[in-house]
């Protein structure tokens, strides 16, 4: 079925590249997807409420993501044509996983003539950390380190400042060994990069370790609800995954040439 979606993308050469600049949260119906890790995550924003389906399905994304989309829409009596836009986890994360999510979202967006928003998987984790801390009765005043296991003894990570609504990027997405991360002023850490916790230099009595959560589609929609102005929309053929490892490698190569 994924191939069918790619075929639709090729056929619809007359696609109207409408860009939705802003949408009213309570009136928007949005579908969000993330397959950047070993989880398949789908969420629906309808009538101001978020409904989600999040499952750990290693190497089973292709078989499950479209049925999950179909189920969440049918279970909530929402037709594809009723969607105002689609949201996708941009990465960083698994190259294959990112391509699967983008293939599905871009195929649907072309077919439906709907805009697409890309949301950082790390910003999504920061939103998750904020919610977990609040549920534990703690309001974060320091920064958050959000992480995703990048394999090869490295992790993707970024640093965020907690705002009343949403989060603000302090250090952009990067890929490195865990030992280089500076935890001064950091109050919480979250994500699958915690597999390298033994290489990290922080005091667990001071810093909240919020678990090896995966990015969740529901948290992407939560970011949109909290800070809609921080979510940018574009036509399906304009959005691209965030391949941080490739970008970092290119920068290092350019520095050597220079």
Protein backbone atom coordinates (compact mmCIF):
# COMPACT_ATOMS: atom_id res chain seq x y z
CA UNK A 1 0.00 0.00 0.00
CA UNK A 2 2.92 2.33 0.61
CA UNK A 3 3.92 1.90 -3.02
CA UNK A 4 0.41 2.94 -3.96
CA UNK A 5 0.83 6.17 -2.03
CA UNK A 6 4.12 6.91 -3.78
CA UNK A 7 2.37 6.25 -7.11
CA UNK A 8 -0.32 8.77 -6.19
CA UNK A 9 2.44 11.33 -5.53
CA UNK A 10 3.76 10.87 -9.06
CA UNK A 11 0.34 11.01 -10.72
CA UNK A 12 -0.93 14.15 -9.02
CA UNK A 13 1.14 16.63 -10.97
CA UNK A 14 -1.65 19.17 -10.71
CA UNK A 15 -1.39 19.24 -6.94
CA UNK A 16 -2.29 22.63 -5.53
CA UNK A 17 0.60 23.63 -3.28
CA UNK A 18 -1.50 25.41 -0.69
CA UNK A 19 0.36 26.29 2.49
CA UNK A 20 -1.67 26.54 5.65
CA UNK A 21 0.01 29.29 7.63
CA UNK A 22 -2.07 29.06 10.76
CA UNK A 23 -5.02 27.08 12.07
CA UNK A 24 -7.26 27.54 15.07
CA UNK A 25 -6.54 24.71 17.47
CA UNK A 26 -10.14 24.05 18.48
CA UNK A 27 -11.31 23.90 14.87
CA UNK A 28 -8.44 21.92 13.37
CA UNK A 29 -8.59 18.22 12.62
CA UNK A 30 -5.03 16.93 12.36
CA UNK A 31 -3.41 13.54 11.91
CA UNK A 32 0.11 13.02 13.29
CA UNK A 33 2.55 10.16 12.63
CA UNK A 34 5.96 9.18 13.95
CA UNK A 35 8.05 6.11 13.06
CA UNK A 36 11.49 7.56 13.82
CA UNK A 37 12.32 4.90 16.45
CA UNK A 38 11.18 1.33 17.12
CA UNK A 39 7.69 2.66 17.93
CA UNK A 40 4.75 3.27 15.63
CA UNK A 41 2.87 6.31 16.83
CA UNK A 42 -0.34 7.81 15.46
CA UNK A 43 -2.52 10.54 16.94
CA UNK A 44 -5.60 12.47 15.95
CA UNK A 45 -6.62 15.97 17.03
CA UNK A 46 -10.37 16.40 16.66
CA UNK A 47 -12.73 18.79 18.45
CA UNK A 48 -9.83 19.98 20.59
CA UNK A 49 -9.09 16.48 21.91
CA UNK A 50 -6.10 14.22 21.22
CA UNK A 51 -6.64 10.50 20.64
CA UNK A 52 -3.52 8.37 20.21
CA UNK A 53 -2.25 4.89 19.39
CA UNK A 54 1.39 4.31 20.37
CA UNK A 55 2.99 0.87 20.08
CA UNK A 56 6.49 -0.56 20.27
CA UNK A 57 6.80 -2.48 16.97
CA UNK A 58 10.47 -2.96 16.04
CA UNK A 59 10.91 -3.55 12.29
CA UNK A 60 7.13 -3.73 11.78
CA UNK A 61 6.41 -0.12 10.83
CA UNK A 62 5.52 -0.80 7.19
CA UNK A 63 2.96 -3.48 8.09
CA UNK A 64 1.29 -1.48 10.87
CA UNK A 65 1.36 2.25 10.25
CA UNK A 66 -1.40 2.43 7.62
CA UNK A 67 -3.79 0.12 9.49
CA UNK A 68 -3.20 2.23 12.60
CA UNK A 69 -4.07 5.37 10.63
CA UNK A 70 -7.20 3.78 9.21
CA UNK A 71 -8.30 2.52 12.62
CA UNK A 72 -7.84 5.78 14.50
CA UNK A 73 -9.83 7.64 11.85
CA UNK A 74 -12.66 5.10 11.63
CA UNK A 75 -12.88 4.66 15.42
CA UNK A 76 -13.45 8.41 15.75
CA UNK A 77 -15.73 8.80 12.71
CA UNK A 78 -13.29 11.04 10.88
CA UNK A 79 -12.90 10.81 7.11
CA UNK A 80 -9.61 11.51 5.36
CA UNK A 81 -11.26 14.43 3.57
CA UNK A 82 -12.06 16.05 6.93
CA UNK A 83 -8.39 16.43 7.85
CA UNK A 84 -7.07 20.00 7.80
CA UNK A 85 -3.44 18.89 7.74
CA UNK A 86 -0.92 16.19 8.58
CA UNK A 87 1.97 16.29 11.05
CA UNK A 88 5.06 14.12 10.84
CA UNK A 89 8.03 13.47 13.11
CA UNK A 90 10.94 14.99 11.20
CA UNK A 91 13.75 13.25 13.05
CA UNK A 92 16.44 12.80 13.96
CA UNK A 93 15.97 9.06 14.18
CA UNK A 94 16.13 5.88 12.12
CA UNK A 95 16.71 6.63 8.42
CA UNK A 96 14.33 3.85 7.39
CA UNK A 97 11.71 4.85 9.94
CA UNK A 98 11.78 8.48 8.84
CA UNK A 99 11.37 7.49 5.18
CA UNK A 100 8.34 5.34 6.03
CA UNK A 101 6.54 8.13 7.90
CA UNK A 102 7.34 10.72 5.24
CA UNK A 103 6.20 8.34 2.48
CA UNK A 104 2.83 7.86 4.15
CA UNK A 105 2.29 11.51 5.08
CA UNK A 106 3.41 12.92 1.74
CA UNK A 107 1.31 10.37 -0.15
CA UNK A 108 -1.79 11.27 1.84
CA UNK A 109 -1.09 15.01 1.64
CA UNK A 110 -0.77 14.88 -2.15
CA UNK A 111 -3.92 12.81 -2.51
CA UNK A 112 -5.94 15.04 -0.18
CA UNK A 113 -4.33 18.37 -1.17
CA UNK A 114 -3.48 19.10 2.46
CA UNK A 115 -0.48 20.85 4.08
CA UNK A 116 2.16 19.09 6.15
CA UNK A 117 3.94 20.17 9.33
CA UNK A 118 7.27 18.65 10.38
CA UNK A 119 8.07 18.51 14.10
CA UNK A 120 11.42 17.63 15.64
CA UNK A 121 11.37 14.28 17.43
CA UNK A 122 13.61 15.81 20.09
CA UNK A 123 11.28 18.77 20.68
CA UNK A 124 8.49 16.21 20.96
CA UNK A 125 10.43 14.42 23.69
CA UNK A 126 11.00 17.71 25.49
CA UNK A 127 7.24 18.27 25.55
CA UNK A 128 6.89 14.76 26.96
CA UNK A 129 9.46 15.51 29.66
CA UNK A 130 7.61 18.66 30.63
CA UNK A 131 4.35 16.72 30.99
CA UNK A 132 5.96 13.89 32.99
CA UNK A 133 7.55 16.35 35.40
CA UNK A 134 4.25 18.19 35.85
CA UNK A 135 2.43 14.92 36.55
CA UNK A 136 5.04 14.18 39.22
CA UNK A 137 4.26 17.53 40.84
CA UNK A 138 7.42 19.26 39.65
CA UNK A 139 7.64 22.37 37.51
CA UNK A 140 10.86 22.35 35.54
CA UNK A 141 12.83 25.59 35.81
CA UNK A 142 16.08 24.33 34.26
CA UNK A 143 16.74 22.93 30.81
CA UNK A 144 15.85 19.56 29.30
CA UNK A 145 18.14 17.26 27.33
CA UNK A 146 16.11 15.17 24.86
CA UNK A 147 17.83 12.12 23.36
CA UNK A 148 17.38 9.38 20.78
CA UNK A 149 19.74 6.42 20.46
CA UNK A 150 21.70 6.91 17.22
CA UNK A 151 23.48 3.53 17.46
CA UNK A 152 27.24 3.18 16.89
CA UNK A 153 27.80 4.34 20.49
CA UNK A 154 26.27 7.77 19.72
CA UNK A 155 23.03 9.57 20.45
CA UNK A 156 21.01 12.33 18.86
CA UNK A 157 20.36 15.07 21.37
CA UNK A 158 19.23 18.64 21.77
CA UNK A 159 18.80 21.02 24.69
CA UNK A 160 15.56 22.89 25.39
CA UNK A 161 14.36 25.58 27.75
CA UNK A 162 10.92 25.05 29.25
CA UNK A 163 8.43 27.79 28.45
CA UNK A 164 4.93 28.32 29.81
CA UNK A 165 3.74 27.23 26.39
CA UNK A 166 5.99 24.88 24.45
CA UNK A 167 9.78 24.76 24.59
CA UNK A 168 12.63 26.85 23.20
CA UNK A 169 15.70 25.37 21.53
CA UNK A 170 18.93 26.12 23.39
CA UNK A 171 21.21 23.73 21.47
CA UNK A 172 20.11 22.42 18.07
CA UNK A 173 19.90 18.71 17.28
CA UNK A 174 23.33 17.09 17.24
CA UNK A 175 24.87 13.63 17.17
CA UNK A 176 27.80 12.69 19.40
CA UNK A 177 28.97 10.39 22.15
CA UNK A 178 27.17 10.85 25.44
CA UNK A 179 30.34 11.92 27.24
CA UNK A 180 30.52 15.32 25.53
CA UNK A 181 27.15 16.61 26.75
CA UNK A 182 27.39 19.46 29.27
CA UNK A 183 24.73 19.03 31.97
CA UNK A 184 25.36 22.33 33.75
CA UNK A 185 21.95 23.97 34.23
CA UNK A 186 20.09 20.91 33.00
CA UNK A 187 17.22 19.70 35.18
CA UNK A 188 15.87 16.70 33.24
CA UNK A 189 16.86 14.17 30.60
CA UNK A 190 14.63 11.91 28.55
CA UNK A 191 14.79 9.47 25.65
CA UNK A 192 16.37 6.28 24.36
CA UNK A 193 19.82 7.88 24.44
CA UNK A 194 19.78 6.97 28.14
CA UNK A 195 21.14 3.60 27.04
CA UNK A 196 24.48 5.47 27.28
CA UNK A 197 23.78 6.85 30.76
CA UNK A 198 26.98 5.36 32.18
CA UNK A 199 28.94 7.67 29.88
CA UNK A 200 27.08 10.78 31.06
CA UNK A 201 28.38 13.05 33.79
CA UNK A 202 25.43 14.17 35.90
CA UNK A 203 24.17 13.81 39.44
CA UNK A 204 20.97 11.75 39.61
CA UNK A 205 20.12 13.45 42.91
CA UNK A 206 19.87 16.76 41.06
CA UNK A 207 18.75 15.80 37.56
CA UNK A 208 15.41 14.11 36.80
CA UNK A 209 15.87 10.98 34.66
CA UNK A 210 12.48 10.68 32.97
CA UNK A 211 12.94 7.35 31.19
CA UNK A 212 13.69 5.99 27.75
CA UNK A 213 10.53 7.34 26.12
CA UNK A 214 10.11 7.30 22.36
CA UNK A 215 8.72 10.29 20.45
CA UNK A 216 4.92 10.19 20.49
CA UNK A 217 2.57 11.56 17.85
CA UNK A 218 0.29 12.80 20.64
CA UNK A 219 3.09 15.02 21.97
CA UNK A 220 3.62 16.51 18.50
CA UNK A 221 -0.02 17.60 18.60
CA UNK A 222 0.43 18.81 22.17
CA UNK A 223 3.27 21.04 20.97
CA UNK A 224 0.94 22.41 18.28
CA UNK A 225 -1.75 23.12 20.89
CA UNK A 226 0.66 24.82 23.29
CA UNK A 227 2.58 26.86 20.73
CA UNK A 228 0.96 26.75 17.26
CA UNK A 229 3.16 29.58 15.99
CA UNK A 230 6.25 27.36 16.40
CA UNK A 231 4.87 24.74 14.00
CA UNK A 232 5.48 25.64 10.36
CA UNK A 233 3.38 24.27 7.52
CA UNK A 234 4.33 23.56 3.93
CA UNK A 235 3.33 21.70 0.80
CA UNK A 236 3.99 17.96 0.75
CA UNK A 237 6.84 18.21 -1.76
CA UNK A 238 8.62 20.84 0.34
CA UNK A 239 9.03 18.96 3.62
CA UNK A 240 12.08 16.81 4.33
CA UNK A 241 13.34 14.55 7.13
CA UNK A 242 16.07 15.80 9.45
CA UNK A 243 19.09 13.56 8.88
CA UNK A 244 21.37 14.98 11.58
CA UNK A 245 24.16 12.41 11.16
CA UNK A 246 24.51 13.29 7.46
CA UNK A 247 24.50 17.03 8.21
CA UNK A 248 27.17 16.71 10.93
CA UNK A 249 29.37 14.54 8.68
CA UNK A 250 29.11 17.12 5.89
CA UNK A 251 30.07 19.98 8.25
CA UNK A 252 33.13 18.07 9.44
CA UNK A 253 34.14 17.34 5.85
CA UNK A 254 33.72 21.01 4.91
CA UNK A 255 35.86 22.04 7.89
CA UNK A 256 38.64 19.70 6.78
CA UNK A 257 38.54 21.15 3.26
CA UNK A 258 38.61 24.67 4.65
